[in-house]
């Protein structure tokens, strides 16, 4: 996988000659060449642009890909500025460059990474997981899909559990510390009034009021989470935006059952927080209330099988502490990325579902 920078700023800069060089550098089609390509936007991301390139090769060869996917900075100045400010792009580049080969979670194979630190311009060329389809955050998913997603999380958390000191040299990988917590708390405080104003009427008064409650309790949430991690040596690498829009579902052998994409929020945290984030937003509230205990126990059992000492009670406690993450993400992200109709509804649905989750698991009572 190349990591050098090149003069690619967007999908419009990509041509057949450049793709040939990139793919040859990755050992793909080295005796062949791309003669033409066409591009089509895919996905629903608001911070990065994802594009599928249809390739025409000079020689017929079943071993070369018909398509690849490219990821680029958002063309929205609002979203791009936000991404630069919070290290969104450098985190994804860092994951693919430094961590992807150390974890077992299913991710796309990456052919090329181009990165310019001074401007945060980047390009990632990766395999196209066809015919897999993106999950739908608004529609939610069922138990069978949730189980697959929970199992994949183990492949990220278990290999990195208790090893975060080894990653201290990765300056792109955010470590949980008091200074960062204070910064996040300040950002939540700044964004809460705009969130309340936008969603008052779309959300119930109880759900809207939770914004100020969680912001006020954020220091306690951080401290309780840090204490949990200390008790269980439980800091690990987490996805931190582990939800359906960032998951591709396929049908083996044509494509993997589950592939996890969009590593722009990867950070250090507690593993059960990813599980709480996914369950809270991905399952409809009645389904989540019915199945979440079983899913947390499935996760804990999988972690034990992978060699991590995590009993069901500890996993549940971490899950409860992690239940605030989805609501706080909706609060923050809704105010700092470019507005779209789907985005507004997605953040509302996230807040609504996570509010129900928070009440059901008793997070505020725990604090």
Protein backbone atom coordinates (compact mmCIF):
# COMPACT_ATOMS: atom_id res chain seq x y z
CA UNK A 1 0.00 0.00 0.00
CA UNK A 2 1.50 3.31 -1.05
CA UNK A 3 1.45 6.23 1.41
CA UNK A 4 3.08 8.94 -0.67
CA UNK A 5 1.21 12.09 -1.61
CA UNK A 6 0.25 12.76 -5.21
CA UNK A 7 -1.58 15.54 -7.07
CA UNK A 8 -5.04 14.10 -6.47
CA UNK A 9 -7.46 16.43 -4.68
CA UNK A 10 -10.82 14.97 -5.76
CA UNK A 11 -12.41 12.30 -7.93
CA UNK A 12 -12.27 14.71 -10.87
CA UNK A 13 -8.45 14.47 -10.81
CA UNK A 14 -8.43 10.69 -11.22
CA UNK A 15 -7.75 9.26 -14.67
CA UNK A 16 -6.91 5.89 -16.18
CA UNK A 17 -3.18 6.51 -16.25
CA UNK A 18 -3.03 7.42 -12.57
CA UNK A 19 -5.16 4.42 -11.58
CA UNK A 20 -2.88 2.13 -13.57
CA UNK A 21 0.17 3.40 -11.70
CA UNK A 22 -1.59 3.09 -8.32
CA UNK A 23 -2.88 -0.42 -8.95
CA UNK A 24 0.45 -1.61 -10.35
CA UNK A 25 2.08 -0.26 -7.18
CA UNK A 26 -0.29 -2.47 -5.18
CA UNK A 27 0.50 -5.49 -7.33
CA UNK A 28 -2.82 -5.42 -9.18
CA UNK A 29 -2.95 -5.97 -12.94
CA UNK A 30 0.79 -5.45 -13.36
CA UNK A 31 0.79 -6.94 -16.88
CA UNK A 32 -2.33 -4.97 -17.85
CA UNK A 33 -3.42 -1.34 -17.81
CA UNK A 34 -6.56 0.71 -17.24
CA UNK A 35 -7.58 2.39 -20.49
CA UNK A 36 -10.56 4.37 -19.20
CA UNK A 37 -12.63 4.89 -16.07
CA UNK A 38 -15.93 6.44 -15.09
CA UNK A 39 -16.94 7.72 -11.65
CA UNK A 40 -20.16 7.64 -9.62
CA UNK A 41 -20.74 8.90 -6.09
CA UNK A 42 -21.83 6.28 -3.54
CA UNK A 43 -22.71 6.21 0.15
CA UNK A 44 -24.28 8.78 2.44
CA UNK A 45 -21.21 10.27 4.14
CA UNK A 46 -21.22 13.98 4.97
CA UNK A 47 -17.54 14.39 5.89
CA UNK A 48 -15.86 12.46 3.07
CA UNK A 49 -16.73 11.80 -0.57
CA UNK A 50 -16.90 8.17 -1.71
CA UNK A 51 -16.73 7.39 -5.42
CA UNK A 52 -16.95 4.11 -7.35
CA UNK A 53 -14.67 3.95 -10.39
CA UNK A 54 -15.71 1.60 -13.20
CA UNK A 55 -12.54 0.38 -14.90
CA UNK A 56 -11.94 -0.66 -18.48
CA UNK A 57 -8.76 -2.72 -18.88
CA UNK A 58 -6.70 -3.12 -22.03
CA UNK A 59 -6.81 -6.92 -21.85
CA UNK A 60 -9.59 -9.19 -20.68
CA UNK A 61 -8.52 -10.68 -17.37
CA UNK A 62 -10.81 -12.08 -14.69
CA UNK A 63 -8.17 -11.49 -12.01
CA UNK A 64 -8.35 -7.69 -12.21
CA UNK A 65 -11.13 -5.70 -10.49
CA UNK A 66 -13.93 -4.20 -12.56
CA UNK A 67 -14.35 -1.44 -9.99
CA UNK A 68 -12.50 0.22 -7.13
CA UNK A 69 -13.67 2.78 -4.57
CA UNK A 70 -11.96 6.08 -3.92
CA UNK A 71 -12.39 8.25 -0.83
CA UNK A 72 -11.61 11.97 -0.83
CA UNK A 73 -12.16 15.03 1.38
CA UNK A 74 -15.66 16.45 1.37
CA UNK A 75 -16.37 19.06 -1.28
CA UNK A 76 -18.35 20.97 1.36
CA UNK A 77 -16.15 23.66 2.91
CA UNK A 78 -18.11 23.43 6.17
CA UNK A 79 -17.62 19.67 6.50
CA UNK A 80 -14.02 19.82 5.31
CA UNK A 81 -13.09 22.57 7.79
CA UNK A 82 -14.66 20.58 10.60
CA UNK A 83 -12.83 17.44 9.55
CA UNK A 84 -9.49 19.24 9.56
CA UNK A 85 -10.17 20.82 12.95
CA UNK A 86 -10.95 17.51 14.67
CA UNK A 87 -8.39 15.35 12.80
CA UNK A 88 -11.03 13.35 10.99
CA UNK A 89 -9.04 12.70 7.83
CA UNK A 90 -5.69 11.99 9.48
CA UNK A 91 -7.33 9.38 11.71
CA UNK A 92 -8.66 7.39 8.78
CA UNK A 93 -5.32 7.62 6.98
CA UNK A 94 -3.56 6.57 10.18
CA UNK A 95 -5.81 3.57 10.69
CA UNK A 96 -5.23 2.20 7.21
CA UNK A 97 -1.50 2.92 7.36
CA UNK A 98 -0.64 1.91 10.94
CA UNK A 99 -3.36 -0.27 12.45
CA UNK A 100 -5.37 -2.13 9.83
CA UNK A 101 -2.95 -5.05 9.68
CA UNK A 102 -2.92 -5.42 13.49
CA UNK A 103 -6.65 -6.08 13.93
CA UNK A 104 -9.05 -8.77 12.80
CA UNK A 105 -12.14 -6.75 12.00
CA UNK A 106 -13.18 -7.03 8.33
CA UNK A 107 -12.28 -3.84 6.46
CA UNK A 108 -11.75 -3.10 2.76
CA UNK A 109 -8.35 -3.98 1.33
CA UNK A 110 -6.57 -0.71 0.59
CA UNK A 111 -4.48 -0.34 -2.58
CA UNK A 112 -3.18 3.18 -2.09
CA UNK A 113 -3.14 6.07 0.38
CA UNK A 114 -2.09 9.57 -0.60
CA UNK A 115 -1.82 12.16 2.19
CA UNK A 116 -0.66 15.76 2.44
CA UNK A 117 -0.36 16.80 6.12
CA UNK A 118 -0.11 20.52 5.39
CA UNK A 119 -3.46 20.72 3.62
CA UNK A 120 -5.21 17.51 4.75
CA UNK A 121 -5.74 16.56 1.12
CA UNK A 122 -5.96 12.80 0.80
CA UNK A 123 -7.04 9.95 -1.42
CA UNK A 124 -7.68 6.32 -0.50
CA UNK A 125 -8.15 3.73 -3.24
CA UNK A 126 -9.64 0.49 -1.91
CA UNK A 127 -11.41 -2.64 -2.99
CA UNK A 128 -15.07 -2.34 -3.91
CA UNK A 129 -17.08 -4.71 -1.68
CA UNK A 130 -19.63 -5.57 -4.35
CA UNK A 131 -22.40 -6.68 -4.29
CA UNK A 132 -22.60 -5.83 -0.58
CA UNK A 133 -25.01 -3.04 0.36
CA UNK A 134 -24.70 -0.25 2.89
CA UNK A 135 -26.80 -0.52 6.03
CA UNK A 136 -29.59 1.99 6.51
CA UNK A 137 -29.38 4.02 9.70
CA UNK A 138 -32.96 5.23 9.38
CA UNK A 139 -34.52 1.83 8.76
CA UNK A 140 -32.52 -0.01 11.40
CA UNK A 141 -31.67 -3.70 11.33
CA UNK A 142 -32.73 -7.01 12.83
CA UNK A 143 -31.15 -9.33 15.38
CA UNK A 144 -29.28 -11.48 12.85
CA UNK A 145 -27.50 -8.46 11.37
CA UNK A 146 -26.75 -7.09 14.84
CA UNK A 147 -25.10 -10.35 15.86
CA UNK A 148 -22.80 -10.22 12.84
CA UNK A 149 -21.81 -6.65 13.65
CA UNK A 150 -21.16 -7.47 17.32
CA UNK A 151 -18.91 -10.36 16.30
CA UNK A 152 -16.85 -8.08 14.05
CA UNK A 153 -16.28 -5.61 16.89
CA UNK A 154 -14.45 -8.35 18.79
CA UNK A 155 -11.90 -8.44 15.98
CA UNK A 156 -11.08 -4.78 16.65
CA UNK A 157 -11.26 -4.69 20.44
CA UNK A 158 -9.60 -7.94 21.50
CA UNK A 159 -6.29 -7.51 19.60
CA UNK A 160 -5.83 -3.99 21.00
CA UNK A 161 -7.26 -4.49 24.53
CA UNK A 162 -4.82 -3.26 27.15
CA UNK A 163 -2.21 -2.44 24.48
CA UNK A 164 -2.89 1.26 24.01
CA UNK A 165 0.50 2.20 25.45
CA UNK A 166 2.04 0.61 22.37
CA UNK A 167 0.17 3.09 20.20
CA UNK A 168 1.36 6.23 22.00
CA UNK A 169 3.54 7.07 19.01
CA UNK A 170 0.50 7.38 16.77
CA UNK A 171 -0.20 11.08 17.26
CA UNK A 172 -3.38 10.74 15.17
CA UNK A 173 -4.94 8.23 17.60
CA UNK A 174 -6.78 10.20 20.27
CA UNK A 175 -6.09 9.09 23.82
CA UNK A 176 -8.72 9.69 26.52
CA UNK A 177 -7.31 12.27 28.92
CA UNK A 178 -8.61 15.14 31.01
CA UNK A 179 -7.55 17.80 28.52
CA UNK A 180 -9.38 16.13 25.64
CA UNK A 181 -12.40 15.55 27.86
CA UNK A 182 -12.51 19.24 28.73
CA UNK A 183 -12.29 20.16 25.05
CA UNK A 184 -15.11 17.79 24.15
CA UNK A 185 -17.22 19.01 27.03
CA UNK A 186 -16.78 22.60 25.82
CA UNK A 187 -17.76 21.59 22.29
CA UNK A 188 -20.89 19.85 23.55
CA UNK A 189 -21.81 22.95 25.56
CA UNK A 190 -21.38 25.20 22.52
CA UNK A 191 -23.43 22.92 20.26
CA UNK A 192 -26.27 22.09 22.66
CA UNK A 193 -28.31 25.30 22.13
CA UNK A 194 -28.26 24.89 18.34
CA UNK A 195 -29.21 21.22 18.65
CA UNK A 196 -32.13 22.03 20.96
CA UNK A 197 -33.36 24.81 18.68
CA UNK A 198 -33.20 22.62 15.57
CA UNK A 199 -34.91 19.56 16.99
CA UNK A 200 -37.41 21.10 19.39
CA UNK A 201 -40.72 19.82 18.04
CA UNK A 202 -39.13 17.00 16.03
CA UNK A 203 -38.05 15.28 19.25
CA UNK A 204 -40.16 14.99 22.39
CA UNK A 205 -39.58 17.57 25.08
CA UNK A 206 -38.03 14.84 27.23
CA UNK A 207 -35.61 13.83 24.49
CA UNK A 208 -34.62 17.43 23.77
CA UNK A 209 -34.07 18.18 27.46
CA UNK A 210 -31.64 15.28 27.65
CA UNK A 211 -29.10 17.39 25.72
CA UNK A 212 -28.48 19.72 28.64
CA UNK A 213 -28.60 16.86 31.14
CA UNK A 214 -25.90 14.86 29.34
CA UNK A 215 -23.72 17.90 28.72
CA UNK A 216 -23.93 18.73 32.41
CA UNK A 217 -23.06 15.18 33.38
CA UNK A 218 -20.29 14.72 30.82
CA UNK A 219 -17.44 15.06 33.38
CA UNK A 220 -19.02 12.28 35.47
CA UNK A 221 -19.49 10.10 32.38
CA UNK A 222 -15.83 10.55 31.45
CA UNK A 223 -14.61 9.82 34.99
CA UNK A 224 -16.82 6.73 35.35
CA UNK A 225 -15.65 5.41 31.99
CA UNK A 226 -11.99 5.95 32.90
CA UNK A 227 -12.56 4.15 36.20
CA UNK A 228 -14.16 1.23 34.34
CA UNK A 229 -11.15 1.04 32.03
CA UNK A 230 -8.77 1.05 34.99
CA UNK A 231 -10.62 -1.79 36.70
CA UNK A 232 -10.66 -3.97 33.60
CA UNK A 233 -7.47 -2.83 31.85
CA UNK A 234 -10.05 -2.11 29.24
CA UNK A 235 -8.92 0.68 26.97
CA UNK A 236 -8.67 -0.49 23.38
CA UNK A 237 -9.05 0.84 19.85
CA UNK A 238 -12.69 1.61 19.06
CA UNK A 239 -14.44 2.67 15.87
CA UNK A 240 -16.45 5.36 17.71
CA UNK A 241 -19.03 5.73 14.91
CA UNK A 242 -20.10 2.10 14.80
CA UNK A 243 -23.45 2.34 13.05
CA UNK A 244 -25.32 0.97 10.07
CA UNK A 245 -24.36 3.68 7.57
CA UNK A 246 -20.72 2.64 8.09
CA UNK A 247 -21.33 -1.08 7.57
CA UNK A 248 -21.63 -3.07 4.35
CA UNK A 249 -23.73 -6.25 4.41
CA UNK A 250 -23.08 -8.96 1.87
CA UNK A 251 -23.82 -12.60 1.11
CA UNK A 252 -20.80 -14.93 1.08
CA UNK A 253 -19.12 -16.10 -1.06
CA UNK A 254 -19.90 -13.16 -3.35
CA UNK A 255 -19.00 -10.61 -0.67
CA UNK A 256 -18.21 -10.75 3.06
CA UNK A 257 -21.19 -10.90 5.41
CA UNK A 258 -20.06 -7.69 7.13
CA UNK A 259 -17.41 -5.11 6.24
CA UNK A 260 -16.73 -2.06 8.42
CA UNK A 261 -15.87 1.22 6.69
CA UNK A 262 -15.40 4.91 7.55
CA UNK A 263 -12.55 5.01 10.07
CA UNK A 264 -12.60 8.79 10.51
CA UNK A 265 -13.47 8.63 14.21
CA UNK A 266 -11.21 5.76 15.31
CA UNK A 267 -9.85 6.43 18.80
CA UNK A 268 -9.02 4.90 22.17
CA UNK A 269 -11.98 4.08 24.39
CA UNK A 270 -13.80 1.17 26.01
CA UNK A 271 -15.03 -1.62 23.77
CA UNK A 272 -18.59 -1.86 25.14
CA UNK A 273 -19.11 1.78 24.06
CA UNK A 274 -19.01 0.65 20.41
CA UNK A 275 -21.59 -2.01 21.23
CA UNK A 276 -23.88 0.48 22.97
CA UNK A 277 -23.49 2.93 20.08
CA UNK A 278 -24.43 0.32 17.50
CA UNK A 279 -27.33 -1.18 19.42
CA UNK A 280 -28.78 2.17 20.44
CA UNK A 281 -28.94 3.55 16.91
CA UNK A 282 -29.14 0.40 14.80
CA UNK A 283 -31.99 -1.46 16.48
CA UNK A 284 -35.48 -0.05 16.82
CA UNK A 285 -36.17 0.70 20.50
CA UNK A 286 -38.47 -2.26 21.11
CA UNK A 287 -36.02 -4.65 19.46
CA UNK A 288 -33.09 -3.12 21.29
CA UNK A 289 -34.78 -3.42 24.67
CA UNK A 290 -35.60 -7.05 23.92
CA UNK A 291 -32.18 -8.14 22.64
CA UNK A 292 -29.49 -5.85 24.07
CA UNK A 293 -28.67 -7.96 27.13
CA UNK A 294 -28.20 -10.99 24.92
CA UNK A 295 -26.03 -9.04 22.50
CA UNK A 296 -23.83 -7.73 25.29
CA UNK A 297 -23.45 -11.26 26.64
CA UNK A 298 -22.58 -12.46 23.13
CA UNK A 299 -19.91 -9.77 22.95
CA UNK A 300 -18.48 -10.68 26.36
CA UNK A 301 -18.39 -14.37 25.47
CA UNK A 302 -16.60 -13.58 22.22
CA UNK A 303 -14.05 -11.45 24.03
CA UNK A 304 -13.37 -14.25 26.53
CA UNK A 305 -12.94 -16.66 23.64
CA UNK A 306 -10.40 -14.22 22.21
CA UNK A 307 -8.45 -14.27 25.48
CA UNK A 308 -9.83 -11.14 27.18
CA UNK A 309 -11.14 -11.46 30.75
CA UNK A 310 -14.49 -9.71 30.53
CA UNK A 311 -17.46 -11.09 32.41
CA UNK A 312 -21.07 -10.34 31.54
CA UNK A 313 -21.60 -7.92 34.42
CA UNK A 314 -18.54 -5.84 33.53
CA UNK A 315 -19.52 -5.78 29.86
CA UNK A 316 -23.00 -4.57 30.80
CA UNK A 317 -21.62 -1.83 33.04
CA UNK A 318 -19.42 -0.61 30.18
CA UNK A 319 -22.40 -0.76 27.84
CA UNK A 320 -24.46 1.43 30.18
CA UNK A 321 -21.64 3.98 30.40
CA UNK A 322 -21.31 3.94 26.62
CA UNK A 323 -25.00 4.59 26.02
CA UNK A 324 -24.52 8.37 26.05
CA UNK A 325 -22.13 8.31 23.10
CA UNK A 326 -24.67 8.13 20.32
CA UNK A 327 -26.80 10.99 21.64
CA UNK A 328 -23.74 13.18 22.16
CA UNK A 329 -22.48 12.35 18.65
CA UNK A 330 -25.83 13.41 17.19
CA UNK A 331 -25.74 16.62 19.22
CA UNK A 332 -22.23 17.50 18.10
CA UNK A 333 -22.15 16.30 14.50
CA UNK A 334 -25.51 17.83 13.61
CA UNK A 335 -24.05 21.26 14.35
CA UNK A 336 -20.64 21.01 12.68
CA UNK A 337 -21.22 19.33 9.31
CA UNK A 338 -23.08 20.58 6.26
CA UNK A 339 -26.84 20.22 6.68
CA UNK A 340 -28.76 17.82 4.46
CA UNK A 341 -32.34 16.61 4.68
CA UNK A 342 -31.25 13.03 5.33
CA UNK A 343 -28.59 14.18 7.76
CA UNK A 344 -31.10 16.15 9.82
CA UNK A 345 -33.39 13.15 10.05
CA UNK A 346 -30.55 10.74 10.78
CA UNK A 347 -29.30 12.82 13.71
CA UNK A 348 -32.86 13.15 15.01
CA UNK A 349 -33.38 9.39 14.84
CA UNK A 350 -30.06 8.76 16.55
CA UNK A 351 -30.91 11.13 19.39
CA UNK A 352 -34.39 9.67 19.74
CA UNK A 353 -33.24 6.06 19.87
CA UNK A 354 -30.29 6.73 22.15
CA UNK A 355 -32.49 8.75 24.51
CA UNK A 356 -34.74 5.71 24.85
CA UNK A 357 -31.69 3.53 25.41
CA UNK A 358 -30.26 5.84 28.08
CA UNK A 359 -33.52 5.78 30.01
CA UNK A 360 -33.96 2.03 29.62
CA UNK A 361 -30.48 1.08 30.87
CA UNK A 362 -30.54 3.67 33.68
CA UNK A 363 -27.39 5.62 32.79
CA UNK A 364 -28.32 8.71 34.81
CA UNK A 365 -29.13 6.58 37.86
CA UNK A 366 -25.72 4.95 37.48
CA UNK A 367 -24.06 8.36 37.61
